[in-house]
């Protein structure tokens, strides 16, 4: 899913539109089309019209099953665990990009289901304001707010029984996030001086006290994730 698809594929038309998002707005009307870009294979590498139509129809069937609130039909086409994991993670970290960009899907074989992932592009998350300078806002204002402006995810949440399925996966995902949070703490304590030294190379021009900047970033992140975990334990209890 890539709302920028037309930038790269204007001539070859390796993309199609399906649905829309109100998170991205390129022309000022409050929304933009959701585009699905076929990364592999490309037209130049032999993608045929019939293959393109097959992929487009497959994705359309998946989304239509959600629109019809037919979870059994959806499960025929999509690996449900990967779908839930992908968007639970996206929602937890408030990954705005996943509302229209950087959302990858693939199939391992002609007989396999659609898998969501890998999950990436986490530079615009955790309520971070978009800036090329080091973040000094450290806001916790919306740490207890949900961000679920993801097309398929919003449709999925409206289906009876979906929340129960999410709850089961959350027990697993919460343990993973807790584990990784402890790894972050261990890593930072071990390499703190090296991180500060490296940051001085990049951030001295932005602030006078780089060490404070690094520590503030670290403390804010730990606080944000900890509070986010507490919040989502109440959401997916």
Protein backbone atom coordinates (compact mmCIF):
# COMPACT_ATOMS: atom_id res chain seq x y z
CA UNK A 1 0.00 0.00 0.00
CA UNK A 2 1.64 3.23 -1.14
CA UNK A 3 -0.16 6.51 -1.71
CA UNK A 4 3.00 7.67 -3.55
CA UNK A 5 2.76 4.84 -6.10
CA UNK A 6 1.89 7.14 -9.01
CA UNK A 7 5.25 8.91 -8.64
CA UNK A 8 7.12 5.77 -9.71
CA UNK A 9 4.58 4.06 -11.94
CA UNK A 10 2.92 6.74 -14.06
CA UNK A 11 3.99 5.10 -17.31
CA UNK A 12 3.79 1.44 -16.41
CA UNK A 13 0.66 1.59 -14.25
CA UNK A 14 1.88 -1.03 -11.78
CA UNK A 15 -0.68 0.14 -9.22
CA UNK A 16 -4.42 0.37 -8.61
CA UNK A 17 -6.69 2.36 -6.27
CA UNK A 18 -8.93 0.76 -3.67
CA UNK A 19 -10.50 2.81 -0.89
CA UNK A 20 -9.22 6.08 0.51
CA UNK A 21 -7.55 7.56 3.57
CA UNK A 22 -8.17 10.80 5.43
CA UNK A 23 -4.73 10.71 7.05
CA UNK A 24 -3.01 11.86 3.85
CA UNK A 25 -4.33 14.75 1.83
CA UNK A 26 -2.42 15.75 -1.31
CA UNK A 27 -4.95 18.00 -3.03
CA UNK A 28 -6.68 19.70 -0.13
CA UNK A 29 -10.02 17.86 -0.26
CA UNK A 30 -9.45 16.09 3.07
CA UNK A 31 -8.59 12.62 1.74
CA UNK A 32 -6.64 10.74 -0.88
CA UNK A 33 -6.95 7.45 -2.74
CA UNK A 34 -5.32 4.38 -1.26
CA UNK A 35 -2.99 2.99 -3.91
CA UNK A 36 -1.65 -0.54 -4.09
CA UNK A 37 1.66 -0.82 -5.87
CA UNK A 38 2.87 -4.14 -7.29
CA UNK A 39 6.55 -4.22 -6.40
CA UNK A 40 7.28 -7.70 -7.70
CA UNK A 41 7.14 -8.55 -10.47
CA UNK A 42 7.16 -5.20 -12.30
CA UNK A 43 5.99 -4.62 -15.86
CA UNK A 44 9.59 -4.30 -17.01
CA UNK A 45 10.33 -7.69 -15.44
CA UNK A 46 7.47 -9.45 -17.18
CA UNK A 47 4.30 -8.67 -15.21
CA UNK A 48 1.41 -9.51 -17.53
CA UNK A 49 -2.07 -7.99 -17.65
CA UNK A 50 -3.59 -11.23 -16.39
CA UNK A 51 -1.19 -11.31 -13.42
CA UNK A 52 -1.95 -7.68 -12.62
CA UNK A 53 -5.70 -8.37 -12.76
CA UNK A 54 -5.29 -11.46 -10.57
CA UNK A 55 -3.47 -9.50 -7.88
CA UNK A 56 -5.93 -6.61 -8.05
CA UNK A 57 -8.91 -8.96 -7.82
CA UNK A 58 -7.35 -10.87 -4.92
CA UNK A 59 -6.79 -7.71 -2.87
CA UNK A 60 -10.29 -6.49 -3.76
CA UNK A 61 -11.83 -9.75 -2.50
CA UNK A 62 -9.96 -9.41 0.80
CA UNK A 63 -11.22 -5.91 1.41
CA UNK A 64 -14.75 -6.77 0.24
CA UNK A 65 -14.90 -9.58 2.81
CA UNK A 66 -14.17 -7.00 5.51
CA UNK A 67 -16.77 -4.61 4.12
CA UNK A 68 -19.31 -7.44 4.21
CA UNK A 69 -18.22 -8.30 7.77
CA UNK A 70 -17.54 -11.86 6.65
CA UNK A 71 -14.58 -12.90 8.74
CA UNK A 72 -14.66 -16.51 7.52
CA UNK A 73 -14.35 -15.30 3.93
CA UNK A 74 -11.53 -12.96 4.96
CA UNK A 75 -9.66 -15.85 6.58
CA UNK A 76 -9.75 -17.75 3.28
CA UNK A 77 -7.52 -15.13 1.70
CA UNK A 78 -5.49 -13.62 4.56
CA UNK A 79 -3.18 -15.00 7.22
CA UNK A 80 -5.14 -13.65 10.17
CA UNK A 81 -2.34 -13.71 12.73
CA UNK A 82 0.01 -11.68 10.55
CA UNK A 83 -2.79 -9.22 9.84
CA UNK A 84 -3.62 -8.73 13.52
CA UNK A 85 0.05 -8.52 14.52
CA UNK A 86 0.84 -5.96 11.83
CA UNK A 87 -1.93 -3.55 12.70
CA UNK A 88 -1.78 -4.07 16.47
CA UNK A 89 1.84 -2.99 16.25
CA UNK A 90 0.94 -0.10 13.95
CA UNK A 91 -1.77 1.10 16.31
CA UNK A 92 0.35 0.66 19.42
CA UNK A 93 3.17 2.81 18.01
CA UNK A 94 0.79 5.24 16.27
CA UNK A 95 2.48 4.49 12.96
CA UNK A 96 0.88 7.15 10.80
CA UNK A 97 2.65 5.97 7.66
CA UNK A 98 0.82 2.64 7.78
CA UNK A 99 -2.42 4.51 7.15
CA UNK A 100 -1.43 4.74 3.50
CA UNK A 101 2.22 3.94 2.96
CA UNK A 102 4.87 1.36 3.77
CA UNK A 103 2.30 -1.42 4.21
CA UNK A 104 3.65 -4.56 2.57
CA UNK A 105 1.76 -7.74 1.74
CA UNK A 106 2.99 -10.89 0.04
CA UNK A 107 2.21 -14.52 -0.68
CA UNK A 108 4.74 -17.33 -0.38
CA UNK A 109 3.16 -19.43 -3.12
CA UNK A 110 0.10 -19.61 -5.35
CA UNK A 111 -1.70 -21.65 -2.69
CA UNK A 112 -0.75 -19.57 0.35
CA UNK A 113 -2.69 -16.80 2.06
CA UNK A 114 -1.82 -13.12 2.02
CA UNK A 115 0.73 -12.26 4.70
CA UNK A 116 1.09 -8.75 6.12
CA UNK A 117 4.64 -7.50 6.66
CA UNK A 118 7.42 -6.94 7.12
CA UNK A 119 6.61 -4.05 9.41
CA UNK A 120 8.90 -1.10 8.90
CA UNK A 121 9.13 2.70 8.52
CA UNK A 122 8.95 3.73 12.17
CA UNK A 123 10.44 7.21 11.91
CA UNK A 124 7.05 8.91 12.30
CA UNK A 125 5.66 7.13 15.36
CA UNK A 126 5.07 7.50 19.10
CA UNK A 127 3.35 10.87 18.63
CA UNK A 128 6.54 12.29 17.14
CA UNK A 129 6.10 15.47 15.18
CA UNK A 130 7.56 15.38 11.70
CA UNK A 131 10.87 17.22 11.75
CA UNK A 132 14.38 16.75 10.43
CA UNK A 133 15.71 18.14 13.70
CA UNK A 134 16.02 16.10 16.92
CA UNK A 135 12.68 15.83 18.65
CA UNK A 136 12.53 17.99 21.77
CA UNK A 137 8.76 17.96 22.25
CA UNK A 138 8.52 14.75 24.29
CA UNK A 139 4.76 14.88 24.40
CA UNK A 140 2.72 12.33 26.33
CA UNK A 141 -0.52 14.15 25.58
CA UNK A 142 -2.00 11.38 23.44
CA UNK A 143 -0.31 8.37 24.97
CA UNK A 144 -3.76 7.13 25.99
CA UNK A 145 -5.39 7.77 22.61
CA UNK A 146 -5.93 5.09 19.99
CA UNK A 147 -4.73 5.63 16.45
CA UNK A 148 -6.48 3.17 14.18
CA UNK A 149 -6.93 5.13 10.94
CA UNK A 150 -5.92 2.11 8.86
CA UNK A 151 -8.43 1.18 6.17
CA UNK A 152 -8.53 -2.60 6.57
CA UNK A 153 -8.08 -2.42 10.35
CA UNK A 154 -11.05 -0.08 10.84
CA UNK A 155 -13.22 -2.42 8.78
CA UNK A 156 -11.95 -5.43 10.76
CA UNK A 157 -12.72 -3.78 14.12
CA UNK A 158 -16.38 -3.45 13.09
CA UNK A 159 -16.81 -7.22 12.76
CA UNK A 160 -18.35 -9.22 15.61
CA UNK A 161 -15.72 -11.42 17.23
CA UNK A 162 -12.75 -9.42 15.94
CA UNK A 163 -11.90 -7.97 19.34
CA UNK A 164 -11.72 -11.43 20.90
CA UNK A 165 -9.23 -12.51 18.22
CA UNK A 166 -7.15 -9.39 18.83
CA UNK A 167 -7.19 -9.98 22.59
CA UNK A 168 -5.64 -13.43 22.17
CA UNK A 169 -2.82 -12.10 20.02
CA UNK A 170 -2.27 -9.14 22.35
CA UNK A 171 -1.26 -11.45 25.19
CA UNK A 172 1.58 -12.67 22.98
CA UNK A 173 2.47 -9.28 21.54
CA UNK A 174 2.50 -7.59 24.95
CA UNK A 175 5.12 -10.07 26.17
CA UNK A 176 7.24 -9.40 23.08
CA UNK A 177 7.03 -5.61 23.55
CA UNK A 178 7.91 -5.97 27.24
CA UNK A 179 10.91 -8.10 26.33
CA UNK A 180 12.12 -5.61 23.75
CA UNK A 181 11.61 -2.72 26.16
CA UNK A 182 13.93 -4.42 28.64
CA UNK A 183 16.42 -5.01 25.83
CA UNK A 184 16.34 -1.27 25.05
CA UNK A 185 17.12 -0.47 28.69
CA UNK A 186 20.01 -2.93 28.79
CA UNK A 187 21.39 -1.71 25.49
CA UNK A 188 21.22 1.94 26.48
CA UNK A 189 22.88 1.41 29.86
CA UNK A 190 25.66 -0.60 28.21
CA UNK A 191 26.37 1.78 25.34
CA UNK A 192 25.17 5.12 26.73
CA UNK A 193 28.55 6.86 26.49
CA UNK A 194 29.05 5.70 22.91
CA UNK A 195 25.55 6.88 21.98
CA UNK A 196 26.23 10.29 23.48
CA UNK A 197 29.59 10.56 21.70
CA UNK A 198 27.97 9.66 18.40
CA UNK A 199 25.13 12.11 18.98
CA UNK A 200 27.60 14.95 19.48
CA UNK A 201 28.69 14.45 15.88
CA UNK A 202 25.18 14.98 14.58
CA UNK A 203 23.31 17.16 17.06
CA UNK A 204 25.77 19.72 18.43
CA UNK A 205 24.55 22.24 15.87
CA UNK A 206 20.99 21.87 17.20
CA UNK A 207 21.57 22.22 20.94
CA UNK A 208 24.20 23.08 23.54
CA UNK A 209 23.74 20.06 25.79
CA UNK A 210 23.71 16.92 23.64
CA UNK A 211 23.97 14.60 26.62
CA UNK A 212 20.78 16.05 28.08
CA UNK A 213 19.11 15.69 24.68
CA UNK A 214 20.01 11.99 24.53
CA UNK A 215 18.87 11.32 28.09
CA UNK A 216 15.64 13.25 27.57
CA UNK A 217 14.91 11.25 24.42
CA UNK A 218 15.61 7.98 26.19
CA UNK A 219 13.55 8.79 29.29
CA UNK A 220 10.67 10.05 27.19
CA UNK A 221 10.67 6.89 25.04
CA UNK A 222 10.72 4.55 28.05
CA UNK A 223 7.90 6.51 29.67
CA UNK A 224 5.89 6.60 26.45
CA UNK A 225 6.12 2.84 25.77
CA UNK A 226 5.46 1.95 29.41
CA UNK A 227 2.33 4.09 29.53
CA UNK A 228 1.28 2.80 26.11
CA UNK A 229 1.49 -0.78 27.38
CA UNK A 230 -0.67 0.08 30.39
CA UNK A 231 -3.22 1.74 28.12
CA UNK A 232 -3.45 -1.14 25.66
CA UNK A 233 -3.76 -3.65 28.45
CA UNK A 234 -7.02 -1.88 29.23
CA UNK A 235 -8.06 -1.67 25.55
CA UNK A 236 -7.37 -5.33 24.74
CA UNK A 237 -8.17 -6.80 28.15
